[in-house]
N, C-alpha and C. Protein backbone atom coordinates (compact mmCIF):
# COMPACT_ATOMS: atom_id res chain seq x y z
N MET A 1 -8.62 7.11 2.22
CA MET A 1 -8.73 5.14 1.95
C MET A 1 -7.62 4.86 2.39
N GLU A 2 -6.57 5.48 1.43
CA GLU A 2 -5.27 4.28 1.27
C GLU A 2 -4.58 4.27 2.49
N LYS A 3 -4.45 5.88 3.54
CA LYS A 3 -4.00 5.37 4.60
C LYS A 3 -4.85 4.68 5.35
N LYS A 4 -6.00 4.31 5.24
CA LYS A 4 -6.79 3.42 6.75
C LYS A 4 -6.35 1.85 5.37
N ASN A 5 -5.92 1.71 5.00
CA ASN A 5 -6.12 0.09 4.06
C ASN A 5 -4.63 0.17 4.63
N ARG A 6 -3.46 1.20 4.85
CA ARG A 6 -2.70 0.88 5.30
C ARG A 6 -1.84 -0.05 6.82
N GLN A 7 -2.78 1.18 7.34
CA GLN A 7 -2.44 1.10 9.34
C GLN A 7 -4.08 -0.52 9.15
N ILE A 8 -4.93 -0.96 8.31
CA ILE A 8 -5.38 -2.32 8.50
C ILE A 8 -4.70 -3.19 8.25
N ILE A 9 -4.03 -3.02 6.95
CA ILE A 9 -3.31 -4.34 6.97
C ILE A 9 -1.31 -4.52 7.39
N GLU A 10 -1.47 -3.17 8.00
CA GLU A 10 0.35 -3.03 9.19
C GLU A 10 -0.75 -4.21 10.32
N GLU A 11 -1.93 -3.34 10.84
CA GLU A 11 -2.40 -4.33 11.84
C GLU A 11 -2.86 -5.31 12.20
N ILE A 12 -3.10 -6.49 10.50
CA ILE A 12 -3.37 -7.55 10.55
C ILE A 12 -1.59 -8.68 10.23
N LEU A 13 -0.92 -7.74 9.48
CA LEU A 13 0.23 -8.15 9.44
C LEU A 13 1.36 -7.89 11.12
N SER A 14 0.99 -6.98 11.77
CA SER A 14 1.30 -7.56 13.17
C SER A 14 0.92 -8.11 14.23
N GLU A 15 -0.99 -9.18 14.14
CA GLU A 15 -1.12 -9.61 14.17
C GLU A 15 -0.42 -11.28 14.24
N ILE A 16 -0.59 -11.04 12.38
CA ILE A 16 -0.24 -12.60 12.23
C ILE A 16 1.78 -12.36 13.28
N LYS A 17 2.63 -11.43 12.81
CA LYS A 17 4.04 -11.31 13.06
C LYS A 17 3.88 -10.51 13.62
N PRO A 18 4.09 -10.41 15.37
CA PRO A 18 4.11 -8.66 16.84
C PRO A 18 5.35 -8.47 15.79
N GLU A 19 6.49 -9.30 15.59
CA GLU A 19 7.14 -7.87 15.56
C GLU A 19 7.74 -7.20 14.49
N LEU A 20 6.67 -7.76 12.92
CA LEU A 20 6.87 -6.97 11.84
C LEU A 20 6.30 -5.45 12.01
N LYS A 21 5.30 -5.04 13.99
CA LYS A 21 5.13 -3.78 13.73
C LYS A 21 6.72 -2.86 13.51
N ALA A 22 7.36 -3.00 14.13
CA ALA A 22 8.45 -2.27 14.25
C ALA A 22 9.75 -2.06 12.46
N LYS A 23 9.92 -3.62 12.70
CA LYS A 23 9.67 -3.86 10.82
C LYS A 23 9.22 -2.94 10.15
N LEU A 24 7.96 -2.23 10.17
CA LEU A 24 6.53 -2.09 8.84
C LEU A 24 7.21 -0.16 9.54
N ALA A 25 7.05 0.47 10.62
CA ALA A 25 7.23 1.74 11.32
C ALA A 25 8.54 1.55 10.61
N ASP A 26 10.21 1.71 10.58
CA ASP A 26 11.15 1.42 10.28
C ASP A 26 11.20 1.94 8.46
N ASN A 27 10.68 0.72 7.78
CA ASN A 27 10.62 1.06 6.87
C ASN A 27 9.24 -0.04 5.58
N PRO A 28 8.19 1.04 5.71
CA PRO A 28 6.86 1.00 5.36
C PRO A 28 7.60 0.58 3.54
N ASN A 29 8.37 0.58 3.53
CA ASN A 29 8.46 -0.24 1.40
C ASN A 29 9.29 -1.76 1.39
N LEU A 30 8.78 -1.84 2.99
CA LEU A 30 9.95 -3.41 2.96
C LEU A 30 9.26 -4.75 2.65
N ASN A 31 10.17 -5.49 2.07
CA ASN A 31 9.29 -6.22 0.47
C ASN A 31 10.41 -7.24 2.19
N LEU A 32 8.90 -8.48 2.54
CA LEU A 32 8.16 -8.80 3.08
C LEU A 32 9.22 -10.20 2.87
N ILE A 33 8.50 -10.95 1.56
CA ILE A 33 8.85 -11.93 1.24
C ILE A 33 10.29 -12.09 1.52
N ASN A 34 11.10 -11.02 0.48
CA ASN A 34 12.21 -11.25 -0.17
C ASN A 34 13.62 -11.25 0.78
N GLU A 35 12.99 -10.66 2.34
CA GLU A 35 13.93 -10.78 3.77
C GLU A 35 12.94 -12.02 4.32
N GLY A 36 12.14 -13.01 4.33
CA GLY A 36 11.91 -13.89 4.78
C GLY A 36 11.22 -13.27 6.25
N LEU A 37 10.04 -12.90 5.86
CA LEU A 37 9.36 -12.52 7.06
C LEU A 37 8.04 -12.54 6.64
N ILE A 38 7.69 -12.97 6.58
CA ILE A 38 6.93 -13.97 6.32
C ILE A 38 6.60 -14.96 5.06
N ASP A 39 6.13 -15.99 5.53
CA ASP A 39 5.96 -17.69 5.01
C ASP A 39 4.90 -17.60 3.81
N SER A 40 4.90 -18.64 3.08
CA SER A 40 3.49 -19.37 2.26
C SER A 40 2.64 -19.51 3.77
N PHE A 41 2.51 -19.74 5.20
CA PHE A 41 1.52 -20.27 5.60
C PHE A 41 1.09 -18.97 6.17
N ASP A 42 2.00 -17.92 6.88
CA ASP A 42 1.14 -16.28 7.09
C ASP A 42 0.62 -15.74 5.70
N ILE A 43 0.53 -15.74 5.01
CA ILE A 43 -0.13 -15.40 3.91
C ILE A 43 -1.07 -16.01 3.20
N ILE A 44 -1.68 -17.19 3.71
CA ILE A 44 -2.55 -17.94 4.06
C ILE A 44 -3.19 -16.76 5.43
N GLN A 45 -2.61 -16.77 6.44
CA GLN A 45 -3.93 -16.34 7.60
C GLN A 45 -3.91 -14.68 6.89
N LEU A 46 -3.41 -14.48 6.27
CA LEU A 46 -3.10 -12.61 6.20
C LEU A 46 -3.70 -12.75 5.14
N ILE A 47 -3.97 -13.60 4.17
CA ILE A 47 -5.86 -13.66 3.00
C ILE A 47 -7.04 -13.84 3.89
N VAL A 48 -7.09 -14.69 5.25
CA VAL A 48 -7.54 -15.21 5.49
C VAL A 48 -8.60 -13.65 6.93
N LYS A 49 -7.53 -13.07 7.15
CA LYS A 49 -8.16 -11.82 7.82
C LYS A 49 -8.02 -10.37 6.47
N ILE A 50 -7.62 -10.52 5.95
CA ILE A 50 -8.06 -10.02 5.17
C ILE A 50 -9.54 -9.72 4.60
N GLU A 51 -10.29 -10.91 3.96
CA GLU A 51 -10.96 -11.35 3.98
C GLU A 51 -12.53 -10.83 5.13
N LYS A 52 -12.06 -11.29 5.70
CA LYS A 52 -13.08 -11.30 7.23
C LYS A 52 -13.03 -9.98 7.19
N VAL A 53 -11.26 -8.99 7.74
CA VAL A 53 -12.00 -7.48 7.82
C VAL A 53 -12.43 -6.90 6.40
N THR A 54 -11.76 -7.19 5.29
CA THR A 54 -12.93 -6.12 4.31
C THR A 54 -14.07 -6.83 3.56
N LYS A 55 -14.89 -7.65 4.02
CA LYS A 55 -15.91 -9.09 3.67
C LYS A 55 -15.57 -9.00 1.99
N LYS A 56 -13.98 -8.71 1.71
CA LYS A 56 -14.02 -9.29 0.44
C LYS A 56 -13.57 -10.84 0.18
N LYS A 57 -13.98 -11.25 -0.82
CA LYS A 57 -13.05 -12.28 -1.52
C LYS A 57 -11.74 -11.95 -1.98
N VAL A 58 -10.36 -12.28 -2.01
CA VAL A 58 -10.16 -12.38 -2.29
C VAL A 58 -9.12 -13.57 -3.27
N VAL A 59 -9.35 -13.15 -4.52
CA VAL A 59 -9.33 -14.57 -5.92
C VAL A 59 -7.83 -14.43 -6.31
N ILE A 60 -6.77 -15.61 -4.90
CA ILE A 60 -5.36 -16.20 -5.35
C ILE A 60 -4.59 -15.88 -6.36
N SER A 61 -5.49 -17.42 -7.52
CA SER A 61 -5.09 -16.96 -9.09
C SER A 61 -5.41 -16.26 -9.80
N ASP A 62 -5.72 -15.40 -9.73
CA ASP A 62 -5.34 -13.72 -9.95
C ASP A 62 -3.60 -12.99 -9.08
N PHE A 63 -3.10 -13.16 -7.92
CA PHE A 63 -2.16 -13.19 -7.73
C PHE A 63 -0.79 -14.06 -7.86
N ASN A 64 0.65 -13.66 -8.04
CA ASN A 64 1.78 -13.79 -8.24
C ASN A 64 1.81 -14.11 -6.85
N ARG A 65 3.24 -14.02 -6.73
CA ARG A 65 3.92 -14.31 -5.19
C ARG A 65 4.78 -12.58 -4.65
N ASN A 66 4.49 -11.56 -5.67
CA ASN A 66 4.83 -10.52 -5.82
C ASN A 66 4.27 -10.13 -4.92
N ALA A 67 2.49 -10.16 -5.70
CA ALA A 67 1.59 -9.61 -4.66
C ALA A 67 1.07 -9.31 -3.08
N PHE A 68 2.36 -9.72 -2.85
CA PHE A 68 2.59 -9.70 -1.81
C PHE A 68 3.72 -9.27 -0.55
N SER A 69 4.59 -8.93 -1.17
CA SER A 69 5.36 -8.54 -1.46
C SER A 69 5.79 -7.92 -0.28
N SER A 70 5.07 -6.76 -0.53
CA SER A 70 4.80 -5.72 0.04
C SER A 70 3.74 -4.96 0.56
N VAL A 71 3.44 -4.50 1.53
CA VAL A 71 1.74 -3.37 1.85
C VAL A 71 1.17 -3.33 0.92
N GLU A 72 2.39 -1.97 0.46
CA GLU A 72 1.64 -1.43 -0.67
C GLU A 72 1.11 -3.25 -1.73
N GLU A 73 1.66 -3.33 -1.87
CA GLU A 73 0.95 -4.82 -2.67
C GLU A 73 -0.62 -5.17 -2.09
N ILE A 74 0.19 -5.42 -1.14
CA ILE A 74 -1.42 -5.85 -0.12
C ILE A 74 -2.11 -5.44 0.14
N ILE A 75 -2.22 -4.30 -0.09
CA ILE A 75 -3.29 -3.42 -0.47
C ILE A 75 -3.89 -2.96 -1.67
N LYS A 76 -2.96 -3.44 -2.15
CA LYS A 76 -3.57 -3.61 -4.11
C LYS A 76 -4.39 -4.47 -4.04
N LEU A 77 -4.17 -5.74 -3.89
CA LEU A 77 -5.33 -6.93 -3.77
C LEU A 77 -6.19 -6.95 -2.49
N CYS A 78 -7.08 -5.35 -1.97
CA CYS A 78 -8.03 -5.46 -1.33
C CYS A 78 -9.02 -4.28 -1.92
N LYS A 79 -8.57 -4.45 -3.76
CA LYS A 79 -9.00 -2.47 -4.57
C LYS A 79 -10.43 -3.67 -5.01
C-alpha cells in the first residue's frame, strides 16, 4: 500500500509541477518546500487533488508546513 500511495502522490505532484517528476526520481526524499519546489498555492492544489483521489478530507489545521515537505510526509496525510 505504501508504494501505491507514493506513486499516487508523485503523480499528483507531477501534474501540479511537471518538473518534479525527474527531481523525485533522482531524490525521492527531496524536501519540496526548502528547495522552493512547491509553494502555498501548490499545496492547496495538492490537497484538493489528494481529497479527490482518496475520497478523504485532509484537515489542514492538524498539520504544519513540514507536513508537505516531502512525499513521505504527504503520504502520512492520506492515512
